Amino acid sequence: MSYDLAVWEGERPGDDAAAGALFDDLYRQYVGTDAGHPPTPAIAAYVALLLERWPDLTRDEHDVSPWSTGPLIGEAAGPLVCFPMRWSMADEASAVAAGIAASLGLVCYDPQTRRLRP
């Protein structure tokens, strides 16, 4: 079981419902297609900061990474990254990930609860 988190570039939506609609649109546009969309510089920088905190799953020799997929940058598409993490580490990792997103002016959204974070 994993926990997913979505982070994207743009203005923070006014409420959770608007964020959910925007996430759905971004997902369809960038993830739900066969077209390849390289990550934007801001999303690539965000993923790099996550990987400074915890190693990529592909390089996790000590089983300390919270990520459920690797390479983590592979989950990024254009201005969006939606990535799974281990359920057992989701509380800590999602809080850190949300904080990093906020520090970069990115939107952080929990697709499970359909709520903005933090």
PDB file of N, CA and C in Angstrom:
ATOM      1  N   MET A   1       0.842  -1.170   0.000  1.00  0.00           N
ATOM      2  CA  MET A   1       0.000   0.000   0.000  1.00  0.00           C
ATOM      3  C   MET A   1       0.888   1.234   0.000  1.00  0.00           C
ATOM      4  N   SER A   2       0.484   2.244  -0.764  1.00  0.00           N
ATOM      5  CA  SER A   2       1.270   3.466  -0.826  1.00  0.00           C
ATOM      6  C   SER A   2       0.364   4.679  -0.635  1.00  0.00           C
ATOM      7  N   TYR A   3       1.016   5.801  -0.444  1.00  0.00           N
ATOM      8  CA  TYR A   3       0.352   7.086  -0.275  1.00  0.00           C
ATOM      9  C   TYR A   3       0.864   7.989  -1.392  1.00  0.00           C
ATOM     10  N   ASP A   4      -0.018   8.632  -2.114  1.00  0.00           N
ATOM     11  CA  ASP A   4       0.378   9.504  -3.222  1.00  0.00           C
ATOM     12  C   ASP A   4       0.296  10.962  -2.816  1.00  0.00           C
ATOM     13  N   LEU A   5       1.193  11.737  -3.395  1.00  0.00           N
ATOM     14  CA  LEU A   5       1.200  13.174  -3.195  1.00  0.00           C
ATOM     15  C   LEU A   5       1.403  13.810  -4.559  1.00  0.00           C
ATOM     16  N   ALA A   6       0.732  14.918  -4.808  1.00  0.00           N
ATOM     17  CA  ALA A   6       0.863  15.645  -6.068  1.00  0.00           C
ATOM     18  C   ALA A   6       1.375  17.053  -5.784  1.00  0.00           C
ATOM     19  N   VAL A   7       2.295  17.496  -6.623  1.00  0.00           N
ATOM     20  CA  VAL A   7       2.861  18.840  -6.499  1.00  0.00           C
ATOM     21  C   VAL A   7       2.910  19.433  -7.905  1.00  0.00           C
ATOM     22  N   TRP A   8       2.509  20.701  -8.016  1.00  0.00           N
ATOM     23  CA  TRP A   8       2.558  21.337  -9.326  1.00  0.00           C
ATOM     24  C   TRP A   8       2.868  22.813  -9.221  1.00  0.00           C
ATOM     25  N   GLU A   9       3.238  23.360 -10.383  1.00  0.00           N
ATOM     26  CA  GLU A   9       3.498  24.788 -10.519  1.00  0.00           C
ATOM     27  C   GLU A   9       2.195  25.526 -10.753  1.00  0.00           C
ATOM     28  N   GLY A  10       2.115  26.724 -10.242  1.00  0.00           N
ATOM     29  CA  GLY A  10       0.956  27.564 -10.492  1.00  0.00           C
ATOM     30  C   GLY A  10       0.466  28.214  -9.224  1.00  0.00           C
ATOM     31  N   GLU A  11      -0.546  29.028  -9.395  1.00  0.00           N
ATOM     32  CA  GLU A  11      -1.141  29.689  -8.238  1.00  0.00           C
ATOM     33  C   GLU A  11      -1.894  28.672  -7.396  1.00  0.00           C
ATOM     34  N   ARG A  12      -1.844  28.875  -6.101  1.00  0.00           N
ATOM     35  CA  ARG A  12      -2.559  27.987  -5.192  1.00  0.00           C
ATOM     36  C   ARG A  12      -4.068  28.182  -5.382  1.00  0.00           C
ATOM     37  N   PRO A  13      -4.797  27.107  -5.648  1.00  0.00           N
ATOM     38  CA  PRO A  13      -6.251  27.220  -5.792  1.00  0.00           C
ATOM     39  C   PRO A  13      -6.893  27.742  -4.509  1.00  0.00           C
ATOM     40  N   GLY A  14      -8.054  28.329  -4.663  1.00  0.00           N
ATOM     41  CA  GLY A  14      -8.747  28.937  -3.537  1.00  0.00           C
ATOM     42  C   GLY A  14      -9.289  27.958  -2.518  1.00  0.00           C
ATOM     43  N   ASP A  15      -9.562  26.735  -2.938  1.00  0.00           N
ATOM     44  CA  ASP A  15     -10.080  25.748  -1.991  1.00  0.00           C
ATOM     45  C   ASP A  15      -9.771  24.338  -2.494  1.00  0.00           C
ATOM     46  N   ASP A  16     -10.132  23.364  -1.684  1.00  0.00           N
ATOM     47  CA  ASP A  16      -9.836  21.968  -2.010  1.00  0.00           C
ATOM     48  C   ASP A  16     -10.535  21.504  -3.282  1.00  0.00           C
ATOM     49  N   ALA A  17     -11.782  21.935  -3.485  1.00  0.00           N
ATOM     50  CA  ALA A  17     -12.524  21.518  -4.678  1.00  0.00           C
ATOM     51  C   ALA A  17     -11.851  22.036  -5.949  1.00  0.00           C
ATOM     52  N   ALA A  18     -11.432  23.292  -5.921  1.00  0.00           N
ATOM     53  CA  ALA A  18     -10.735  23.866  -7.083  1.00  0.00           C
ATOM     54  C   ALA A  18      -9.412  23.152  -7.312  1.00  0.00           C
ATOM     55  N   ALA A  19      -8.735  22.815  -6.227  1.00  0.00           N
ATOM     56  CA  ALA A  19      -7.471  22.088  -6.350  1.00  0.00           C
ATOM     57  C   ALA A  19      -7.700  20.709  -6.957  1.00  0.00           C
ATOM     58  N   GLY A  20      -8.754  20.035  -6.547  1.00  0.00           N
ATOM     59  CA  GLY A  20      -9.062  18.721  -7.099  1.00  0.00           C
ATOM     60  C   GLY A  20      -9.350  18.777  -8.585  1.00  0.00           C
ATOM     61  N   ALA A  21     -10.108  19.764  -8.995  1.00  0.00           N
ATOM     62  CA  ALA A  21     -10.418  19.922 -10.419  1.00  0.00           C
ATOM     63  C   ALA A  21      -9.158  20.228 -11.216  1.00  0.00           C
ATOM     64  N   LEU A  22      -8.302  21.090 -10.672  1.00  0.00           N
ATOM     65  CA  LEU A  22      -7.057  21.427 -11.358  1.00  0.00           C
ATOM     66  C   LEU A  22      -6.126  20.219 -11.427  1.00  0.00           C
ATOM     67  N   PHE A  23      -6.022  19.476 -10.331  1.00  0.00           N
ATOM     68  CA  PHE A  23      -5.200  18.265 -10.341  1.00  0.00           C
ATOM     69  C   PHE A  23      -5.698  17.292 -11.411  1.00  0.00           C
ATOM     70  N   ASP A  24      -6.997  17.070 -11.458  1.00  0.00           N
ATOM     71  CA  ASP A  24      -7.563  16.158 -12.456  1.00  0.00           C
ATOM     72  C   ASP A  24      -7.220  16.614 -13.875  1.00  0.00           C
ATOM     73  N   ASP A  25      -7.329  17.912 -14.136  1.00  0.00           N
ATOM     74  CA  ASP A  25      -6.998  18.447 -15.455  1.00  0.00           C
ATOM     75  C   ASP A  25      -5.514  18.262 -15.778  1.00  0.00           C
ATOM     76  N   LEU A  26      -4.660  18.608 -14.820  1.00  0.00           N
ATOM     77  CA  LEU A  26      -3.222  18.454 -15.039  1.00  0.00           C
ATOM     78  C   LEU A  26      -2.849  16.991 -15.258  1.00  0.00           C
ATOM     79  N   TYR A  27      -3.446  16.116 -14.481  1.00  0.00           N
ATOM     80  CA  TYR A  27      -3.151  14.691 -14.611  1.00  0.00           C
ATOM     81  C   TYR A  27      -3.539  14.193 -16.004  1.00  0.00           C
ATOM     82  N   ARG A  28      -4.727  14.554 -16.448  1.00  0.00           N
ATOM     83  CA  ARG A  28      -5.172  14.143 -17.784  1.00  0.00           C
ATOM     84  C   ARG A  28      -4.269  14.718 -18.870  1.00  0.00           C
ATOM     85  N   GLN A  29      -3.867  15.964 -18.693  1.00  0.00           N
ATOM     86  CA  GLN A  29      -3.072  16.643 -19.714  1.00  0.00           C
ATOM     87  C   GLN A  29      -1.639  16.130 -19.779  1.00  0.00           C
ATOM     88  N   TYR A  30      -1.030  15.855 -18.636  1.00  0.00           N
ATOM     89  CA  TYR A  30       0.390  15.524 -18.620  1.00  0.00           C
ATOM     90  C   TYR A  30       0.706  14.064 -18.333  1.00  0.00           C
ATOM     91  N   VAL A  31      -0.095  13.416 -17.534  1.00  0.00           N
ATOM     92  CA  VAL A  31       0.205  12.032 -17.149  1.00  0.00           C
ATOM     93  C   VAL A  31      -0.632  11.054 -17.950  1.00  0.00           C
ATOM     94  N   GLY A  32      -1.855  11.384 -18.184  1.00  0.00           N
ATOM     95  CA  GLY A  32      -2.764  10.467 -18.849  1.00  0.00           C
ATOM     96  C   GLY A  32      -2.645  10.461 -20.357  1.00  0.00           C
ATOM     97  N   THR A  33      -1.459  10.725 -20.905  1.00  0.00           N
ATOM     98  CA  THR A  33      -1.258  10.743 -22.348  1.00  0.00           C
ATOM     99  C   THR A  33      -0.040   9.904 -22.710  1.00  0.00           C
ATOM    100  N   ASP A  34       0.076   9.629 -23.982  1.00  0.00           N
ATOM    101  CA  ASP A  34       1.255   8.919 -24.470  1.00  0.00           C
ATOM    102  C   ASP A  34       2.405   9.870 -24.775  1.00  0.00           C
ATOM    103  N   ALA A  35       2.115  11.149 -24.829  1.00  0.00           N
ATOM    104  CA  ALA A  35       3.146  12.138 -25.133  1.00  0.00           C
ATOM    105  C   ALA A  35       4.087  12.312 -23.941  1.00  0.00           C
ATOM    106  N   GLY A  36       5.356  12.380 -24.212  1.00  0.00           N
ATOM    107  CA  GLY A  36       6.330  12.618 -23.146  1.00  0.00           C
ATOM    108  C   GLY A  36       6.423  14.098 -22.829  1.00  0.00           C
ATOM    109  N   HIS A  37       6.372  14.424 -21.566  1.00  0.00           N
ATOM    110  CA  HIS A  37       6.488  15.803 -21.118  1.00  0.00           C
ATOM    111  C   HIS A  37       7.629  15.877 -20.114  1.00  0.00           C
ATOM    112  N   PRO A  38       8.775  16.422 -20.501  1.00  0.00           N
ATOM    113  CA  PRO A  38       9.865  16.540 -19.535  1.00  0.00           C
ATOM    114  C   PRO A  38       9.457  17.462 -18.392  1.00  0.00           C
ATOM    115  N   PRO A  39       9.984  17.209 -17.197  1.00  0.00           N
ATOM    116  CA  PRO A  39       9.632  18.078 -16.069  1.00  0.00           C
ATOM    117  C   PRO A  39      10.131  19.502 -16.289  1.00  0.00           C
ATOM    118  N   THR A  40       9.357  20.445 -15.800  1.00  0.00           N
ATOM    119  CA  THR A  40       9.791  21.842 -15.841  1.00  0.00           C
ATOM    120  C   THR A  40      10.974  22.010 -14.893  1.00  0.00           C
ATOM    121  N   PRO A  41      11.749  23.076 -15.053  1.00  0.00           N
ATOM    122  CA  PRO A  41      12.874  23.304 -14.140  1.00  0.00           C
ATOM    123  C   PRO A  41      12.451  23.363 -12.666  1.00  0.00           C
ATOM    124  N   ALA A  42      11.311  23.962 -12.372  1.00  0.00           N
ATOM    125  CA  ALA A  42      10.867  24.060 -10.973  1.00  0.00           C
ATOM    126  C   ALA A  42      10.538  22.687 -10.398  1.00  0.00           C
ATOM    127  N   ILE A  43       9.903  21.830 -11.184  1.00  0.00           N
ATOM    128  CA  ILE A  43       9.565  20.486 -10.712  1.00  0.00           C
ATOM    129  C   ILE A  43      10.836  19.648 -10.590  1.00  0.00           C
ATOM    130  N   ALA A  44      11.753  19.782 -11.524  1.00  0.00           N
ATOM    131  CA  ALA A  44      13.031  19.058 -11.432  1.00  0.00           C
ATOM    132  C   ALA A  44      13.800  19.490 -10.178  1.00  0.00           C
ATOM    133  N   ALA A  45      13.784  20.788  -9.872  1.00  0.00           N
ATOM    134  CA  ALA A  45      14.457  21.287  -8.665  1.00  0.00           C
ATOM    135  C   ALA A  45      13.786  20.741  -7.410  1.00  0.00           C
ATOM    136  N   TYR A  46      12.469  20.657  -7.423  1.00  0.00           N
ATOM    137  CA  TYR A  46      11.731  20.104  -6.287  1.00  0.00           C
ATOM    138  C   TYR A  46      12.118  18.647  -6.043  1.00  0.00           C
ATOM    139  N   VAL A  47      12.111  17.854  -7.101  1.00  0.00           N
ATOM    140  CA  VAL A  47      12.478  16.442  -6.963  1.00  0.00           C
ATOM    141  C   VAL A  47      13.922  16.326  -6.467  1.00  0.00           C
ATOM    142  N   ALA A  48      14.807  17.159  -6.963  1.00  0.00           N
ATOM    143  CA  ALA A  48      16.206  17.131  -6.510  1.00  0.00           C
ATOM    144  C   ALA A  48      16.298  17.399  -5.008  1.00  0.00           C
ATOM    145  N   LEU A  49      15.494  18.326  -4.494  1.00  0.00           N
ATOM    146  CA  LEU A  49      15.500  18.603  -3.054  1.00  0.00           C
ATOM    147  C   LEU A  49      14.957  17.421  -2.258  1.00  0.00           C
ATOM    148  N   LEU A  50      13.944  16.754  -2.776  1.00  0.00           N
ATOM    149  CA  LEU A  50      13.445  15.549  -2.103  1.00  0.00           C
ATOM    150  C   LEU A  50      14.549  14.501  -2.017  1.00  0.00           C
ATOM    151  N   LEU A  51      15.311  14.384  -3.101  1.00  0.00           N
ATOM    152  CA  LEU A  51      16.363  13.366  -3.146  1.00  0.00           C
ATOM    153  C   LEU A  51      17.594  13.753  -2.334  1.00  0.00           C
ATOM    154  N   GLU A  52      17.701  15.019  -1.949  1.00  0.00           N
ATOM    155  CA  GLU A  52      18.743  15.404  -0.999  1.00  0.00           C
ATOM    156  C   GLU A  52      18.384  14.906   0.398  1.00  0.00           C
ATOM    157  N   ARG A  53      17.088  14.819   0.670  1.00  0.00           N
ATOM    158  CA  ARG A  53      16.617  14.369   1.986  1.00  0.00           C
ATOM    159  C   ARG A  53      16.628  12.846   2.107  1.00  0.00           C
ATOM    160  N   TRP A  54      16.125  12.171   1.079  1.00  0.00           N
ATOM    161  CA  TRP A  54      16.090  10.701   1.058  1.00  0.00           C
ATOM    162  C   TRP A  54      16.600  10.226  -0.292  1.00  0.00           C
ATOM    163  N   PRO A  55      17.256   9.080  -0.343  1.00  0.00           N
ATOM    164  CA  PRO A  55      17.790   8.610  -1.626  1.00  0.00           C
ATOM    165  C   PRO A  55      16.688   8.135  -2.562  1.00  0.00           C
ATOM    166  N   ASP A  56      17.012   8.168  -3.828  1.00  0.00           N
ATOM    167  CA  ASP A  56      16.121   7.596  -4.824  1.00  0.00           C
ATOM    168  C   ASP A  56      15.995   6.104  -4.549  1.00  0.00           C
ATOM    169  N   LEU A  57      14.852   5.545  -4.817  1.00  0.00           N
ATOM    170  CA  LEU A  57      14.629   4.120  -4.585  1.00  0.00           C
ATOM    171  C   LEU A  57      15.643   3.270  -5.340  1.00  0.00           C
ATOM    172  N   THR A  58      16.077   3.752  -6.500  1.00  0.00           N
ATOM    173  CA  THR A  58      17.040   3.009  -7.308  1.00  0.00           C
ATOM    174  C   THR A  58      18.438   2.996  -6.686  1.00  0.00           C
ATOM    175  N   ARG A  59      18.677   3.822  -5.691  1.00  0.00           N
ATOM    176  CA  ARG A  59      19.993   3.920  -5.038  1.00  0.00           C
ATOM    177  C   ARG A  59      19.924   3.679  -3.525  1.00  0.00           C
ATOM    178  N   ASP A  60      18.817   3.167  -3.070  1.00  0.00           N
ATOM    179  CA  ASP A  60      18.574   2.993  -1.638  1.00  0.00           C
ATOM    180  C   ASP A  60      19.167   1.672  -1.149  1.00  0.00           C
ATOM    181  N   GLU A  61      20.401   1.717  -0.734  1.00  0.00           N
ATOM    182  CA  GLU A  61      21.097   0.512  -0.282  1.00  0.00           C
ATOM    183  C   GLU A  61      20.726   0.108   1.139  1.00  0.00           C
ATOM    184  N   HIS A  62      20.151   1.035   1.915  1.00  0.00           N
ATOM    185  CA  HIS A  62      19.875   0.770   3.333  1.00  0.00           C
ATOM    186  C   HIS A  62      18.382   0.754   3.662  1.00  0.00           C
ATOM    187  N   ASP A  63      17.546   0.726   2.647  1.00  0.00           N
ATOM    188  CA  ASP A  63      16.091   0.663   2.819  1.00  0.00           C
ATOM    189  C   ASP A  63      15.560   1.802   3.698  1.00  0.00           C
ATOM    190  N   VAL A  64      15.993   3.020   3.382  1.00  0.00           N
ATOM    191  CA  VAL A  64      15.561   4.195   4.136  1.00  0.00           C
ATOM    192  C   VAL A  64      14.704   5.151   3.312  1.00  0.00           C
ATOM    193  N   SER A  65      14.576   4.883   2.032  1.00  0.00           N
ATOM    194  CA  SER A  65      13.824   5.773   1.155  1.00  0.00           C
ATOM    195  C   SER A  65      12.323   5.578   1.350  1.00  0.00           C
ATOM    196  N   PRO A  66      11.571   6.679   1.408  1.00  0.00           N
ATOM    197  CA  PRO A  66      10.124   6.548   1.516  1.00  0.00           C
ATOM    198  C   PRO A  66       9.442   6.330   0.164  1.00  0.00           C
ATOM    199  N   TRP A  67      10.173   6.514  -0.926  1.00  0.00           N
ATOM    200  CA  TRP A  67       9.565   6.460  -2.253  1.00  0.00           C
ATOM    201  C   TRP A  67       9.202   5.028  -2.632  1.00  0.00           C
ATOM    202  N   SER A  68       8.088   4.890  -3.313  1.00  0.00           N
ATOM    203  CA  SER A  68       7.618   3.571  -3.759  1.00  0.00           C
ATOM    204  C   SER A  68       7.952   3.302  -5.213  1.00  0.00           C
ATOM    205  N   THR A  69       8.597   4.249  -5.856  1.00  0.00           N
ATOM    206  CA  THR A  69       8.951   4.109  -7.259  1.00  0.00           C
ATOM    207  C   THR A  69      10.283   4.797  -7.517  1.00  0.00           C
ATOM    208  N   GLY A  70      10.943   4.369  -8.531  1.00  0.00           N
ATOM    209  CA  GLY A  70      12.209   4.989  -8.880  1.00  0.00           C
ATOM    210  C   GLY A  70      12.494   4.782 -10.357  1.00  0.00           C
ATOM    211  N   PRO A  71      13.188   5.692 -10.963  1.00  0.00           N
ATOM    212  CA  PRO A  71      13.646   6.939 -10.365  1.00  0.00           C
ATOM    213  C   PRO A  71      12.478   7.907 -10.117  1.00  0.00           C
ATOM    214  N   LEU A  72      12.604   8.664  -9.059  1.00  0.00           N
ATOM    215  CA  LEU A  72      11.526   9.567  -8.656  1.00  0.00           C
ATOM    216  C   LEU A  72      11.218  10.604  -9.736  1.00  0.00           C
ATOM    217  N   ILE A  73      12.237  11.078 -10.425  1.00  0.00           N
ATOM    218  CA  ILE A  73      12.019  12.073 -11.475  1.00  0.00           C
ATOM    219  C   ILE A  73      11.152  11.501 -12.594  1.00  0.00           C
ATOM    220  N   GLY A  74      11.074  10.202 -12.695  1.00  0.00           N
ATOM    221  CA  GLY A  74      10.227   9.568 -13.697  1.00  0.00           C
ATOM    222  C   GLY A  74       8.745   9.787 -13.460  1.00  0.00           C
ATOM    223  N   GLU A  75       8.384  10.232 -12.260  1.00  0.00           N
ATOM    224  CA  GLU A  75       6.983  10.529 -11.938  1.00  0.00           C
ATOM    225  C   GLU A  75       6.594  11.951 -12.321  1.00  0.00           C
ATOM    226  N   ALA A  76       7.563  12.744 -12.776  1.00  0.00           N
ATOM    227  CA  ALA A  76       7.315  14.137 -13.140  1.00  0.00           C
ATOM    228  C   ALA A  76       6.948  14.238 -14.613  1.00  0.00           C
ATOM    229  N   ALA A  77       5.992  15.100 -14.901  1.00  0.00           N
ATOM    230  CA  ALA A  77       5.570  15.364 -16.275  1.00  0.00           C
ATOM    231  C   ALA A  77       5.184  16.827 -16.374  1.00  0.00           C
ATOM    232  N   GLY A  78       5.969  17.586 -17.113  1.00  0.00           N
ATOM    233  CA  GLY A  78       5.695  19.014 -17.242  1.00  0.00           C
ATOM    234  C   GLY A  78       5.696  19.683 -15.883  1.00  0.00           C
ATOM    235  N   PRO A  79       4.636  20.426 -15.554  1.00  0.00           N
ATOM    236  CA  PRO A  79       4.594  21.170 -14.300  1.00  0.00           C
ATOM    237  C   PRO A  79       4.047  20.366 -13.126  1.00  0.00           C
ATOM    238  N   LEU A  80       3.934  19.047 -13.295  1.00  0.00           N
ATOM    239  CA  LEU A  80       3.302  18.198 -12.284  1.00  0.00           C
ATOM    240  C   LEU A  80       4.197  17.021 -11.932  1.00  0.00           C
ATOM    241  N   VAL A  81       4.234  16.707 -10.650  1.00  0.00           N
ATOM    242  CA  VAL A  81       4.813  15.440 -10.207  1.00  0.00           C
ATOM    243  C   VAL A  81       3.822  14.823  -9.230  1.00  0.00           C
ATOM    244  N   CYS A  82       3.494  13.585  -9.477  1.00  0.00           N
ATOM    245  CA  CYS A  82       2.584  12.840  -8.606  1.00  0.00           C
ATOM    246  C   CYS A  82       3.318  11.558  -8.264  1.00  0.00           C
ATOM    247  N   PHE A  83       3.656  11.394  -6.985  1.00  0.00           N
ATOM    248  CA  PHE A  83       4.548  10.300  -6.624  1.00  0.00           C
ATOM    249  C   PHE A  83       4.041   9.518  -5.414  1.00  0.00           C
ATOM    250  N   PRO A  84       4.261   8.203  -5.449  1.00  0.00           N
ATOM    251  CA  PRO A  84       3.854   7.360  -4.337  1.00  0.00           C
ATOM    252  C   PRO A  84       4.977   7.201  -3.316  1.00  0.00           C
ATOM    253  N   MET A  85       4.581   7.026  -2.086  1.00  0.00           N
ATOM    254  CA  MET A  85       5.549   6.755  -1.023  1.00  0.00           C
ATOM    255  C   MET A  85       5.021   5.624  -0.151  1.00  0.00           C
ATOM    256  N   ARG A  86       5.937   4.992   0.548  1.00  0.00           N
ATOM    257  CA  ARG A  86       5.546   3.891   1.430  1.00  0.00           C
ATOM    258  C   ARG A  86       4.578   4.389   2.496  1.00  0.00           C
ATOM    259  N   TRP A  87       3.552   3.615   2.719  1.00  0.00           N
ATOM    260  CA  TRP A  87       2.552   3.983   3.720  1.00  0.00           C
ATOM    261  C   TRP A  87       3.202   4.162   5.089  1.00  0.00           C
ATOM    262  N   SER A  88       4.134   3.303   5.430  1.00  0.00           N
ATOM    263  CA  SER A  88       4.761   3.338   6.753  1.00  0.00           C
ATOM    264  C   SER A  88       5.589   4.601   6.983  1.00  0.00           C
ATOM    265  N   MET A  89       5.970   5.293   5.917  1.00  0.00           N
ATOM    266  CA  MET A  89       6.776   6.503   6.044  1.00  0.00           C
ATOM    267  C   MET A  89       6.035   7.743   5.563  1.00  0.00           C
ATOM    268  N   ALA A  90       4.775   7.588   5.226  1.00  0.00           N
ATOM    269  CA  ALA A  90       4.031   8.663   4.580  1.00  0.00           C
ATOM    270  C   ALA A  90       3.843   9.898   5.458  1.00  0.00           C
ATOM    271  N   ASP A  91       3.628   9.726   6.746  1.00  0.00           N
ATOM    272  CA  ASP A  91       3.408  10.902   7.597  1.00  0.00           C
ATOM    273  C   ASP A  91       4.614  11.833   7.559  1.00  0.00           C
ATOM    274  N   GLU A  92       5.785  11.294   7.844  1.00  0.00           N
ATOM    275  CA  GLU A  92       6.995  12.113   7.866  1.00  0.00           C
ATOM    276  C   GLU A  92       7.351  12.618   6.475  1.00  0.00           C
ATOM    277  N   ALA A  93       7.383  11.719   5.508  1.00  0.00           N
ATOM    278  CA  ALA A  93       7.828  12.092   4.167  1.00  0.00           C
ATOM    279  C   ALA A  93       6.875  13.091   3.510  1.00  0.00           C
ATOM    280  N   SER A  94       5.576  12.909   3.690  1.00  0.00           N
ATOM    281  CA  SER A  94       4.639  13.845   3.064  1.00  0.00           C
ATOM    282  C   SER A  94       4.707  15.221   3.716  1.00  0.00           C
ATOM    283  N   ALA A  95       4.947  15.267   5.022  1.00  0.00           N
ATOM    284  CA  ALA A  95       5.095  16.566   5.697  1.00  0.00           C
ATOM    285  C   ALA A  95       6.331  17.302   5.180  1.00  0.00           C
ATOM    286  N   VAL A  96       7.436  16.579   5.044  1.00  0.00           N
ATOM    287  CA  VAL A  96       8.653  17.190   4.505  1.00  0.00           C
ATOM    288  C   VAL A  96       8.424  17.627   3.060  1.00  0.00           C
ATOM    289  N   ALA A  97       7.821  16.752   2.260  1.00  0.00           N
ATOM    290  CA  ALA A  97       7.571  17.065   0.851  1.00  0.00           C
ATOM    291  C   ALA A  97       6.656  18.275   0.707  1.00  0.00           C
ATOM    292  N   ALA A  98       5.633  18.381   1.531  1.00  0.00           N
ATOM    293  CA  ALA A  98       4.728  19.527   1.490  1.00  0.00           C
ATOM    294  C   ALA A  98       5.458  20.803   1.891  1.00  0.00           C
ATOM    295  N   GLY A  99       6.321  20.713   2.887  1.00  0.00           N
ATOM    296  CA  GLY A  99       7.089  21.879   3.311  1.00  0.00           C
ATOM    297  C   GLY A  99       8.041  22.369   2.239  1.00  0.00           C
ATOM    298  N   ILE A 100       8.701  21.437   1.572  1.00  0.00           N
ATOM    299  CA  ILE A 100       9.608  21.818   0.486  1.00  0.00           C
ATOM    300  C   ILE A 100       8.818  22.461  -0.644  1.00  0.00           C
ATOM    301  N   ALA A 101       7.675  21.881  -0.982  1.00  0.00           N
ATOM    302  CA  ALA A 101       6.840  22.461  -2.034  1.00  0.00           C
ATOM    303  C   ALA A 101       6.448  23.897  -1.677  1.00  0.00           C
ATOM    304  N   ALA A 102       6.010  24.107  -0.455  1.00  0.00           N
ATOM    305  CA  ALA A 102       5.612  25.449  -0.025  1.00  0.00           C
ATOM    306  C   ALA A 102       6.784  26.426  -0.108  1.00  0.00           C
ATOM    307  N   SER A 103       7.973  25.966   0.286  1.00  0.00           N
ATOM    308  CA  SER A 103       9.143  26.847   0.260  1.00  0.00           C
ATOM    309  C   SER A 103       9.517  27.267  -1.157  1.00  0.00           C
ATOM    310  N   LEU A 104       9.134  26.470  -2.146  1.00  0.00           N
ATOM    311  CA  LEU A 104       9.421  26.778  -3.546  1.00  0.00           C
ATOM    312  C   LEU A 104       8.254  27.455  -4.251  1.00  0.00           C
ATOM    313  N   GLY A 105       7.167  27.695  -3.522  1.00  0.00           N
ATOM    314  CA  GLY A 105       5.997  28.320  -4.118  1.00  0.00           C
ATOM    315  C   GLY A 105       5.192  27.380  -4.996  1.00  0.00           C
ATOM    316  N   LEU A 106       5.310  26.079  -4.756  1.00  0.00           N
ATOM    317  CA  LEU A 106       4.568  25.074  -5.510  1.00  0.00           C
ATOM    318  C   LEU A 106       3.314  24.668  -4.747  1.00  0.00           C
ATOM    319  N   VAL A 107       2.344  24.157  -5.449  1.00  0.00           N
ATOM    320  CA  VAL A 107       1.100  23.679  -4.855  1.00  0.00           C
ATOM    321  C   VAL A 107       1.282  22.216  -4.469  1.00  0.00           C
ATOM    322  N   CYS A 108       0.841  21.855  -3.272  1.00  0.00           N
ATOM    323  CA  CYS A 108       0.912  20.472  -2.810  1.00  0.00           C
ATOM    324  C   CYS A 108      -0.508  20.004  -2.505  1.00  0.00           C
ATOM    325  N   TYR A 109      -0.824  18.804  -3.002  1.00  0.00           N
ATOM    326  CA  TYR A 109      -2.198  18.308  -2.944  1.00  0.00           C
ATOM    327  C   TYR A 109      -2.198  16.819  -2.616  1.00  0.00           C
ATOM    328  N   ASP A 110      -3.127  16.431  -1.750  1.00  0.00           N
ATOM    329  CA  ASP A 110      -3.298  15.029  -1.370  1.00  0.00           C
ATOM    330  C   ASP A 110      -4.470  14.460  -2.166  1.00  0.00           C
ATOM    331  N   PRO A 111      -4.204  13.630  -3.184  1.00  0.00           N
ATOM    332  CA  PRO A 111      -5.298  13.089  -3.994  1.00  0.00           C
ATOM    333  C   PRO A 111      -6.192  12.096  -3.257  1.00  0.00           C
ATOM    334  N   GLN A 112      -5.687  11.491  -2.184  1.00  0.00           N
ATOM    335  CA  GLN A 112      -6.518  10.547  -1.425  1.00  0.00           C
ATOM    336  C   GLN A 112      -7.641  11.254  -0.679  1.00  0.00           C
ATOM    337  N   THR A 113      -7.300  12.313   0.013  1.00  0.00           N
ATOM    338  CA  THR A 113      -8.300  13.068   0.775  1.00  0.00           C
ATOM    339  C   THR A 113      -8.886  14.221  -0.026  1.00  0.00           C
ATOM    340  N   ARG A 114      -8.289  14.472  -1.194  1.00  0.00           N
ATOM    341  CA  ARG A 114      -8.691  15.567  -2.084  1.00  0.00           C
ATOM    342  C   ARG A 114      -8.620  16.906  -1.344  1.00  0.00           C
ATOM    343  N   ARG A 115      -7.439  17.103  -0.698  1.00  0.00           N
ATOM    344  CA  ARG A 115      -7.208  18.345   0.055  1.00  0.00           C
ATOM    345  C   ARG A 115      -5.846  18.928  -0.257  1.00  0.00           C
ATOM    346  N   LEU A 116      -5.795  20.251  -0.201  1.00  0.00           N
ATOM    347  CA  LEU A 116      -4.520  20.953  -0.316  1.00  0.00           C
ATOM    348  C   LEU A 116      -3.669  20.698   0.913  1.00  0.00           C
ATOM    349  N   ARG A 117      -2.364  20.708   0.722  1.00  0.00           N
ATOM    350  CA  ARG A 117      -1.437  20.616   1.843  1.00  0.00           C
ATOM    351  C   ARG A 117      -0.486  21.775   1.737  1.00  0.00           C
ATOM    352  N   PRO A 118       0.141  22.250   2.765  1.00  0.00           N
ATOM    353  CA  PRO A 118      -0.158  21.950   4.166  1.00  0.00           C
ATOM    354  C   PRO A 118      -1.399  22.658   4.615  1.00  0.00           C
TER     355      PRO A 118
END
